[in-house]
Amino acid sequence: MKKFILRLMAVIIILSVAFAGYGYYEYANANPVSSPETDVLFMETALAPAQSEWNEPVLRGLVYRRFEKTDAAAERNFGAIGRSPAQLYLRLPEGFAGRLRLTTDGAVRDETLRGGDAVFDAEAGDYNLEITGDISKGQGGGYGSFTYRCSFSVEEAEPELLTGKTELAQGDIMSLKLINIPPEITPSAETSLGMAVFTPGGKGVWHAAVPVGNRQNPGSYTISVQAGDRHFETDVSVLPFDFVEQNLTIDVGDPVISEANSPEAYREYREKIPPLFETFDTERYWEGVFDAPADGRVSTEFGTIRYTNGNYANPRSHNGMDIAAPEGSPVRAPNAGRVVMAERLLNTGNTVVIEHGGGLKSYYFHMSRLDVNIGETVNKGELIGAIGTTGYSTGPHLHYEMRIGNKPVSPSMLFSESAGLYSLGVTND
């Protein structure tokens, strides 16, 4: 029995030594044969790991041999890869799990990554990109970590002028949009069509609304835009609009009408209303399609050629639209803006004027009361007054007028998304 035990122990020792020798041989001669494909595709170019660590299973995963590698030559410099905002593409190995670190001008952007495709945007600047992640082949398989590095730059995008509709009927509005404008530049525009003021709409974005007044002669007009040292020009075709005619009967003997139509009334009007034409806010308040300010029958359309008491020798163009409704009916702001007038005038009665940004203003005449004060900001749909017949008026109605500078434009066109003002979109950027 003792001999048997000694023999057994000898066999075990021999086998152990043999197994250890075999294990050492396997470990010493192990190669990373199970290492996965680890290249990352960046902008269609393969990036090899700049640093890697791979643990190769030996003896079916009983032990692992670590392989480490540093390859400074794998760190790529791509130079300029595009203009801002550049869209960057990554394709990551299957099973990859890690993070992306994008550094520029001291700012760091971290994102979690998984195997497959990834897309992200980059503004102008110089960038360092580092991708670090782990790959595991599961139970009994190899596992490791990989780091990729590269640098690149994104150039400033070229300034660009976008235009909305360029064929516009009398009463419509031309829409302009500048993009990729450097932050230190405030653009400007010149045109014989009227006031054109750029308002900021987001990073590098500016908007301007250019009036095509109801009395603008049909034909071709040029808009010149300056943005720093960049100059743009665009042409606009003004098409005729077939305005209707109307004869208005007014009792000039009525003392109220007489006072509203007096030299004093017109002097007051000239002192109060035209000076507003030259003012503008450099902020754009309006957003989305303008609503009608009141419910009711349109008794006079915008641009109507109007005669008074049959005096056909003295036609006038109606600069707004008249909405007839019972006295006291609500009048609401058709869009957001800042109240720049709220007072009673002899000619226009209770009057409100709202600046919507860039010189685009709405005017409300003849109201029975005022529900806002000068300097207040109003939102779309907010109550500003009520239908009335104050001032030079023959019955309860709202005279609703829209102007850019001194050029009247059609309020009713702005109720439709097809208006020129919205042809580059209806929201702020």
Protein backbone atom coordinates (compact mmCIF):
# COMPACT_ATOMS: atom_id res chain seq x y z
CA MET A 1 0.00 0.00 0.00
CA LYS A 2 2.82 2.35 0.88
CA LYS A 3 4.54 1.60 -2.44
CA PHE A 4 1.30 2.29 -4.30
CA ILE A 5 0.90 5.64 -2.66
CA LEU A 6 4.51 6.56 -3.44
CA ARG A 7 4.00 5.52 -7.07
CA LEU A 8 0.78 7.53 -7.30
CA MET A 9 2.44 10.58 -5.87
CA ALA A 10 5.28 10.19 -8.32
CA VAL A 11 2.82 10.01 -11.20
CA ILE A 12 1.00 13.11 -9.94
CA ILE A 13 4.28 15.00 -9.63
CA ILE A 14 5.34 13.96 -13.10
CA LEU A 15 1.98 14.93 -14.55
CA SER A 16 2.02 18.24 -12.68
CA VAL A 17 5.48 19.05 -13.92
CA ALA A 18 4.46 18.05 -17.42
CA PHE A 19 1.29 20.15 -17.25
CA ALA A 20 3.21 23.09 -15.82
CA GLY A 21 5.79 22.72 -18.53
CA TYR A 22 3.08 22.55 -21.16
CA GLY A 23 1.31 25.54 -19.63
CA TYR A 24 4.52 27.53 -19.56
CA TYR A 25 5.20 26.58 -23.16
CA GLU A 26 1.68 27.63 -24.18
CA TYR A 27 1.93 30.89 -22.24
CA ALA A 28 5.40 31.70 -23.57
CA ASN A 29 4.36 31.03 -27.13
CA ALA A 30 0.90 32.55 -26.93
CA ASN A 31 0.00 35.08 -29.65
CA PRO A 32 -3.03 37.39 -29.72
CA VAL A 33 -4.76 35.12 -32.19
CA SER A 34 -8.23 35.97 -30.83
CA SER A 35 -7.64 39.77 -31.00
CA PRO A 36 -10.58 41.28 -32.92
CA GLU A 37 -10.48 43.70 -35.84
CA THR A 38 -9.90 46.97 -33.98
CA ASP A 39 -9.57 49.69 -36.63
CA VAL A 40 -11.91 52.67 -36.22
CA LEU A 41 -13.12 54.42 -39.38
CA PHE A 42 -13.03 58.21 -39.03
CA MET A 43 -14.31 60.11 -42.07
CA GLU A 44 -13.82 56.94 -44.18
CA THR A 45 -10.18 56.62 -43.05
CA ALA A 46 -8.99 53.78 -40.80
CA LEU A 47 -7.44 54.69 -37.44
CA ALA A 48 -5.21 52.09 -35.83
CA PRO A 49 -4.89 52.01 -32.03
CA ALA A 50 -2.26 54.40 -30.66
CA GLN A 51 -2.30 52.35 -27.45
CA SER A 52 -3.69 48.91 -26.83
CA GLU A 53 -3.80 46.14 -24.26
CA TRP A 54 -5.04 42.68 -25.18
CA ASN A 55 -5.44 39.72 -22.82
CA GLU A 56 -5.15 36.46 -24.78
CA PRO A 57 -6.67 33.34 -23.17
CA VAL A 58 -4.27 30.46 -22.49
CA LEU A 59 -5.32 26.90 -21.57
CA ARG A 60 -8.92 27.65 -22.51
CA GLY A 61 -9.03 30.77 -20.39
CA LEU A 62 -7.53 29.37 -17.20
CA VAL A 63 -4.90 32.11 -17.47
CA TYR A 64 -4.42 35.14 -19.73
CA ARG A 65 -1.35 36.63 -21.27
CA ARG A 66 -1.30 40.44 -21.57
CA PHE A 67 0.01 42.10 -24.72
CA GLU A 68 0.62 45.86 -24.67
CA LYS A 69 1.45 48.09 -27.60
CA THR A 70 2.13 51.77 -28.18
CA ASP A 71 2.22 53.13 -31.71
CA ALA A 72 2.83 56.88 -31.88
CA ALA A 73 2.72 56.73 -35.68
CA ALA A 74 -0.96 55.74 -35.46
CA GLU A 75 -1.89 59.21 -34.20
CA ARG A 76 -3.14 60.97 -37.35
CA ASN A 77 -3.36 64.66 -38.22
CA PHE A 78 -6.05 65.13 -40.87
CA GLY A 79 -5.66 68.90 -41.27
CA ALA A 80 -8.78 70.75 -42.47
CA ILE A 81 -11.65 68.30 -43.05
CA GLY A 82 -14.43 70.73 -43.98
CA ARG A 83 -16.32 73.89 -43.15
CA SER A 84 -18.52 74.61 -40.15
CA PRO A 85 -20.76 72.97 -39.18
CA ALA A 86 -18.94 69.83 -40.29
CA GLN A 87 -20.63 66.46 -39.85
CA LEU A 88 -18.19 63.85 -38.60
CA TYR A 89 -18.58 60.10 -39.06
CA LEU A 90 -17.24 57.20 -36.99
CA ARG A 91 -17.53 53.45 -37.51
CA LEU A 92 -16.56 51.44 -34.45
CA PRO A 93 -15.61 47.75 -34.16
CA GLU A 94 -18.28 45.26 -33.19
CA GLY A 95 -18.53 44.87 -29.43
CA PHE A 96 -16.80 48.20 -28.79
CA ALA A 97 -17.90 50.02 -25.62
CA GLY A 98 -16.22 53.21 -24.48
CA ARG A 99 -16.22 56.97 -24.81
CA LEU A 100 -15.28 59.79 -27.14
CA ARG A 101 -13.45 62.89 -25.94
CA LEU A 102 -13.37 65.87 -28.30
CA THR A 103 -11.26 68.85 -27.22
CA THR A 104 -11.07 72.34 -28.74
CA ASP A 105 -10.06 75.70 -27.25
CA GLY A 106 -10.06 74.19 -23.76
CA ALA A 107 -13.63 72.89 -24.09
CA VAL A 108 -14.12 69.14 -23.67
CA ARG A 109 -16.98 67.12 -25.06
CA ASP A 110 -17.51 63.58 -23.75
CA GLU A 111 -19.87 61.04 -25.27
CA THR A 112 -20.57 57.37 -24.67
CA LEU A 113 -19.92 55.11 -27.66
CA ARG A 114 -21.07 51.68 -28.75
CA GLY A 115 -20.07 49.54 -31.71
CA GLY A 116 -21.44 50.62 -35.06
CA ASP A 117 -21.84 54.05 -36.67
CA ALA A 118 -21.77 57.38 -34.85
CA VAL A 119 -22.34 60.90 -36.21
CA PHE A 120 -21.65 64.23 -34.55
CA ASP A 121 -21.25 67.88 -35.56
CA ALA A 122 -18.27 70.19 -35.10
CA GLU A 123 -18.15 73.96 -35.41
CA ALA A 124 -15.09 75.86 -36.63
CA GLY A 125 -11.91 75.24 -34.63
CA ASP A 126 -8.92 72.99 -34.04
CA TYR A 127 -9.76 69.62 -32.51
CA ASN A 128 -8.11 66.70 -30.75
CA LEU A 129 -10.11 63.49 -30.80
CA GLU A 130 -9.50 60.57 -28.43
CA ILE A 131 -11.56 57.39 -28.50
CA THR A 132 -11.06 54.88 -25.70
CA GLY A 133 -12.97 51.66 -25.35
CA ASP A 134 -13.08 48.00 -24.39
CA ILE A 135 -13.77 44.93 -26.47
CA SER A 136 -14.55 41.52 -24.95
CA LYS A 137 -15.04 38.22 -26.77
CA GLY A 138 -17.08 36.78 -23.95
CA GLN A 139 -16.54 33.90 -21.53
CA GLY A 140 -13.22 32.23 -22.23
CA GLY A 141 -12.36 34.67 -24.99
CA GLY A 142 -9.90 37.53 -25.05
CA TYR A 143 -10.54 41.02 -23.85
CA GLY A 144 -8.73 44.34 -24.05
CA SER A 145 -8.78 48.12 -24.25
CA PHE A 146 -7.89 50.34 -27.20
CA THR A 147 -7.16 54.05 -27.55
CA TYR A 148 -7.25 56.01 -30.82
CA ARG A 149 -6.08 59.59 -31.31
CA CYS A 150 -6.23 62.08 -34.14
CA SER A 151 -6.37 65.81 -34.73
CA PHE A 152 -8.16 67.88 -37.34
CA SER A 153 -9.56 71.34 -37.97
CA VAL A 154 -12.90 72.69 -39.18
CA GLU A 155 -12.81 75.94 -41.11
CA GLU A 156 -15.27 78.79 -40.79
CA ALA A 157 -18.17 78.41 -43.20
CA GLU A 158 -18.47 80.99 -45.95
CA PRO A 159 -21.13 83.67 -45.39
CA GLU A 160 -24.16 83.04 -47.55
CA LEU A 161 -27.28 84.99 -48.47
CA LEU A 162 -30.52 83.00 -48.76
CA THR A 163 -33.60 84.54 -50.33
CA GLY A 164 -37.24 83.68 -50.11
CA LYS A 165 -39.70 84.27 -52.94
CA THR A 166 -38.27 86.71 -55.47
CA GLU A 167 -41.48 87.30 -57.43
CA LEU A 168 -43.83 89.22 -55.16
CA ALA A 169 -47.12 90.98 -55.68
CA GLN A 170 -47.67 94.53 -54.45
CA GLY A 171 -48.29 94.31 -50.69
CA ASP A 172 -46.11 91.23 -50.05
CA ILE A 173 -42.82 91.01 -48.10
CA MET A 174 -39.42 89.76 -49.26
CA SER A 175 -37.54 87.51 -46.80
CA LEU A 176 -33.74 87.47 -46.52
CA LYS A 177 -31.52 85.25 -44.42
CA LEU A 178 -27.76 85.47 -43.89
CA ILE A 179 -25.91 82.48 -42.47
CA ASN A 180 -22.34 81.89 -41.26
CA ILE A 181 -21.80 85.51 -40.28
CA PRO A 182 -18.89 86.04 -37.83
CA PRO A 183 -20.02 87.30 -34.40
CA GLU A 184 -18.34 90.70 -34.70
CA ILE A 185 -20.26 91.63 -37.87
CA THR A 186 -23.70 93.30 -38.08
CA PRO A 187 -24.99 93.12 -41.68
CA SER A 188 -26.93 95.85 -43.48
CA ALA A 189 -29.11 96.11 -46.56
CA GLU A 190 -29.98 98.86 -49.03
CA THR A 191 -32.84 98.92 -51.51
CA SER A 192 -35.25 101.41 -53.04
CA LEU A 193 -38.09 99.14 -51.90
CA GLY A 194 -37.89 100.56 -48.37
CA MET A 195 -36.54 99.80 -44.92
CA ALA A 196 -34.61 96.55 -44.58
CA VAL A 197 -33.19 95.82 -41.12
CA PHE A 198 -31.33 92.64 -40.21
CA THR A 199 -32.18 91.10 -36.83
CA PRO A 200 -30.18 88.26 -35.26
CA GLY A 201 -31.69 84.79 -35.44
CA GLY A 202 -29.12 82.54 -33.82
CA LYS A 203 -25.41 81.80 -34.11
CA GLY A 204 -24.20 83.44 -37.31
CA VAL A 205 -27.78 83.88 -38.59
CA TRP A 206 -29.56 87.14 -39.48
CA HIS A 207 -33.03 87.83 -40.89
CA ALA A 208 -34.47 90.82 -42.75
CA ALA A 209 -37.95 91.58 -44.07
CA VAL A 210 -38.16 93.90 -47.10
CA PRO A 211 -41.48 95.55 -47.96
CA VAL A 212 -43.17 95.54 -51.34
CA GLY A 213 -45.62 98.40 -50.72
CA ASN A 214 -49.06 98.57 -52.21
CA ARG A 215 -48.02 101.55 -54.33
CA GLN A 216 -44.67 100.09 -55.42
CA ASN A 217 -44.42 100.27 -59.21
CA PRO A 218 -44.19 96.84 -60.86
CA GLY A 219 -40.74 95.99 -62.16
CA SER A 220 -37.33 94.68 -61.10
CA TYR A 221 -35.52 95.95 -58.00
CA THR A 222 -32.13 95.18 -56.47
CA ILE A 223 -31.35 94.55 -52.81
CA SER A 224 -27.71 95.06 -51.80
CA VAL A 225 -26.43 93.36 -48.65
CA GLN A 226 -23.17 94.05 -46.86
CA ALA A 227 -21.72 91.71 -44.22
CA GLY A 228 -18.24 92.82 -43.27
CA ASP A 229 -16.18 92.65 -46.44
CA ARG A 230 -18.72 90.40 -48.16
CA HIS A 231 -21.19 91.93 -50.59
CA PHE A 232 -24.33 90.25 -51.93
CA GLU A 233 -27.01 91.36 -54.37
CA THR A 234 -30.37 89.85 -55.22
CA ASP A 235 -33.13 90.97 -57.54
CA VAL A 236 -36.85 91.13 -56.81
CA SER A 237 -39.66 91.22 -59.35
CA VAL A 238 -42.68 93.25 -58.20
CA LEU A 239 -45.91 92.08 -59.81
CA PRO A 240 -49.09 94.17 -60.03
CA PHE A 241 -52.02 93.37 -57.75
CA ASP A 242 -55.57 94.07 -58.92
CA PHE A 243 -56.87 96.27 -56.10
CA VAL A 244 -60.62 96.87 -55.89
CA GLU A 245 -62.33 100.27 -55.80
CA GLN A 246 -64.74 101.60 -53.17
CA ASN A 247 -66.82 104.75 -52.73
CA LEU A 248 -67.14 105.73 -49.06
CA THR A 249 -70.05 107.90 -47.93
CA ILE A 250 -69.30 110.05 -44.90
CA ASP A 251 -71.45 112.68 -43.18
CA VAL A 252 -68.88 115.47 -43.05
CA GLY A 253 -71.39 117.59 -41.10
CA ASP A 254 -71.21 115.27 -38.09
CA PRO A 255 -69.25 117.21 -35.42
CA VAL A 256 -67.31 114.08 -34.40
CA ILE A 257 -66.33 113.41 -38.02
CA SER A 258 -65.57 117.08 -38.49
CA GLU A 259 -63.18 117.11 -35.55
CA ALA A 260 -61.50 113.85 -36.67
CA ASN A 261 -61.08 115.33 -40.15
CA SER A 262 -59.81 118.72 -38.99
CA PRO A 263 -56.41 120.30 -39.67
CA GLU A 264 -55.62 119.84 -35.97
CA ALA A 265 -56.38 116.11 -36.24
CA TYR A 266 -54.04 115.68 -39.21
CA ARG A 267 -51.33 117.79 -37.56
CA GLU A 268 -51.52 115.54 -34.50
CA TYR A 269 -51.42 112.44 -36.73
CA ARG A 270 -48.31 113.72 -38.55
CA GLU A 271 -46.60 114.40 -35.23
CA LYS A 272 -47.38 110.98 -33.75
CA ILE A 273 -47.55 108.32 -36.50
CA PRO A 274 -44.96 109.06 -39.27
CA PRO A 275 -42.05 109.38 -36.79
CA LEU A 276 -42.68 105.74 -35.87
CA PHE A 277 -41.97 104.74 -39.48
CA GLU A 278 -38.28 105.53 -39.00
CA THR A 279 -37.88 103.50 -35.81
CA PHE A 280 -37.14 99.80 -35.43
CA ASP A 281 -36.08 97.26 -32.83
CA THR A 282 -32.99 95.19 -33.58
CA GLU A 283 -34.66 92.17 -31.97
CA ARG A 284 -37.11 89.97 -33.85
CA TYR A 285 -40.12 89.17 -31.64
CA TRP A 286 -42.56 87.57 -34.06
CA GLU A 287 -42.61 83.84 -34.67
CA GLY A 288 -44.96 81.78 -36.80
CA VAL A 289 -47.80 82.92 -39.01
CA PHE A 290 -49.62 86.12 -37.99
CA ASP A 291 -53.21 85.68 -36.79
CA ALA A 292 -56.13 87.98 -37.60
CA PRO A 293 -56.42 90.46 -34.71
CA ALA A 294 -60.23 90.33 -34.59
CA ASP A 295 -63.18 88.29 -35.81
CA GLY A 296 -65.57 89.98 -38.18
CA ARG A 297 -66.43 90.92 -41.74
CA VAL A 298 -63.71 92.50 -43.85
CA SER A 299 -65.49 95.69 -44.96
CA THR A 300 -62.51 97.16 -46.81
CA GLU A 301 -59.59 95.16 -48.21
CA PHE A 302 -55.98 96.26 -48.10
CA GLY A 303 -54.98 98.47 -51.02
CA THR A 304 -58.56 99.33 -51.98
CA ILE A 305 -58.73 102.41 -54.20
CA ARG A 306 -61.09 104.51 -52.13
CA TYR A 307 -63.15 107.56 -53.06
CA THR A 308 -65.08 109.68 -50.55
CA ASN A 309 -68.60 110.91 -51.29
CA GLY A 310 -68.20 110.30 -55.01
CA ASN A 311 -65.10 112.48 -55.40
CA TYR A 312 -63.44 110.38 -58.09
CA ALA A 313 -60.87 113.07 -58.77
CA ASN A 314 -59.19 112.39 -55.44
CA PRO A 315 -58.61 108.62 -55.02
CA ARG A 316 -56.74 107.26 -52.01
CA SER A 317 -55.21 103.85 -51.44
CA HIS A 318 -56.39 102.14 -48.28
CA ASN A 319 -53.24 101.26 -46.36
CA GLY A 320 -54.80 98.63 -44.13
CA MET A 321 -57.82 96.38 -43.87
CA ASP A 322 -61.06 97.18 -42.05
CA ILE A 323 -62.69 94.49 -39.94
CA ALA A 324 -66.30 95.30 -39.01
CA ALA A 325 -67.59 93.78 -35.76
CA PRO A 326 -69.85 94.77 -32.83
CA GLU A 327 -68.46 97.43 -30.53
CA GLY A 328 -66.53 95.91 -27.63
CA SER A 329 -65.40 92.83 -29.60
CA PRO A 330 -61.86 91.83 -28.54
CA VAL A 331 -58.77 92.90 -30.46
CA ARG A 332 -55.76 90.67 -29.90
CA ALA A 333 -52.10 90.87 -30.84
CA PRO A 334 -51.58 88.88 -34.07
CA ASN A 335 -48.03 88.06 -33.03
CA ALA A 336 -45.48 88.88 -30.35
CA GLY A 337 -44.03 92.37 -30.12
CA ARG A 338 -43.42 95.54 -28.12
CA VAL A 339 -46.06 98.27 -27.75
CA VAL A 340 -44.63 101.54 -29.08
CA MET A 341 -47.89 103.56 -28.97
CA ALA A 342 -51.08 103.31 -26.94
CA GLU A 343 -53.09 106.55 -26.87
CA ARG A 344 -56.13 108.32 -28.29
CA LEU A 345 -55.67 110.52 -31.37
CA LEU A 346 -58.27 112.77 -32.96
CA ASN A 347 -58.06 111.16 -36.38
CA THR A 348 -57.43 107.46 -35.56
CA GLY A 349 -59.18 107.34 -32.17
CA ASN A 350 -57.85 104.85 -29.64
CA THR A 351 -54.64 103.72 -31.30
CA VAL A 352 -52.11 100.96 -30.61
CA VAL A 353 -48.88 100.34 -32.52
CA ILE A 354 -46.81 97.19 -31.98
CA GLU A 355 -43.19 96.72 -33.12
CA HIS A 356 -42.62 93.08 -34.15
CA GLY A 357 -38.92 93.49 -34.89
CA GLY A 358 -36.78 94.95 -37.64
CA GLY A 359 -39.25 97.78 -38.30
CA LEU A 360 -42.23 95.47 -38.98
CA LYS A 361 -45.13 97.15 -37.15
CA SER A 362 -48.86 96.63 -36.79
CA TYR A 363 -51.30 99.55 -36.33
CA TYR A 364 -54.77 99.41 -34.73
CA PHE A 365 -57.17 102.37 -35.10
CA HIS A 366 -60.67 103.38 -33.88
CA MET A 367 -60.83 101.06 -30.85
CA SER A 368 -63.29 101.67 -28.01
CA ARG A 369 -60.62 101.13 -25.36
CA LEU A 370 -56.94 100.44 -24.82
CA ASP A 371 -55.81 97.38 -22.83
CA VAL A 372 -52.04 97.85 -23.15
CA ASN A 373 -49.51 100.56 -22.34
CA ILE A 374 -46.49 101.82 -24.22
CA GLY A 375 -43.35 99.80 -23.51
CA GLU A 376 -45.17 96.55 -22.70
CA THR A 377 -44.34 93.35 -24.53
CA VAL A 378 -47.26 91.29 -25.78
CA ASN A 379 -47.60 87.70 -26.88
CA LYS A 380 -49.60 86.36 -29.80
CA GLY A 381 -53.30 86.32 -28.86
CA GLU A 382 -52.97 88.77 -25.95
CA LEU A 383 -55.83 91.29 -25.55
CA ILE A 384 -54.78 94.81 -26.60
CA GLY A 385 -58.15 96.58 -26.93
CA ALA A 386 -61.69 96.36 -28.29
CA ILE A 387 -63.52 97.21 -31.50
CA GLY A 388 -64.92 100.73 -31.53
CA THR A 389 -65.74 103.70 -33.73
CA THR A 390 -63.54 106.44 -32.28
CA GLY A 391 -61.88 109.04 -34.50
CA TYR A 392 -62.61 109.28 -38.24
CA SER A 393 -64.99 106.34 -38.42
CA THR A 394 -68.46 105.63 -39.79
CA GLY A 395 -69.21 102.61 -37.59
CA PRO A 396 -67.68 99.99 -35.27
CA HIS A 397 -64.67 98.46 -36.95
CA LEU A 398 -60.94 97.92 -36.59
CA HIS A 399 -58.59 99.53 -39.05
CA TYR A 400 -55.64 97.10 -39.05
CA GLU A 401 -52.47 98.15 -40.81
CA MET A 402 -49.04 96.54 -41.29
CA ARG A 403 -45.96 98.49 -42.34
CA ILE A 404 -42.24 98.07 -42.68
CA GLY A 405 -40.87 101.55 -42.29
CA ASN A 406 -43.28 103.80 -44.18
CA LYS A 407 -44.35 101.11 -46.67
CA PRO A 408 -47.82 99.58 -46.11
CA VAL A 409 -47.95 95.83 -46.70
CA SER A 410 -50.94 93.50 -46.82
CA PRO A 411 -52.12 92.25 -43.39
CA SER A 412 -54.26 89.53 -44.95
CA MET A 413 -51.32 88.04 -46.89
CA LEU A 414 -49.62 87.41 -43.55
CA PHE A 415 -52.49 85.13 -42.47
CA SER A 416 -51.23 82.52 -44.97
CA GLU A 417 -48.02 80.47 -44.84
CA SER A 418 -47.59 81.20 -48.56
CA ALA A 419 -46.69 84.83 -47.79
CA GLY A 420 -43.24 85.94 -48.87
CA LEU A 421 -42.30 86.71 -45.25
CA TYR A 422 -42.47 82.98 -44.43
CA SER A 423 -40.78 81.64 -47.58
CA LEU A 424 -37.59 80.93 -45.59
CA GLY A 425 -39.42 79.46 -42.60
CA VAL A 426 -41.66 80.86 -39.87
CA THR A 427 -39.59 80.27 -36.71
CA ASN A 428 -36.63 81.99 -35.11
CA ASP A 429 -33.34 80.10 -35.47
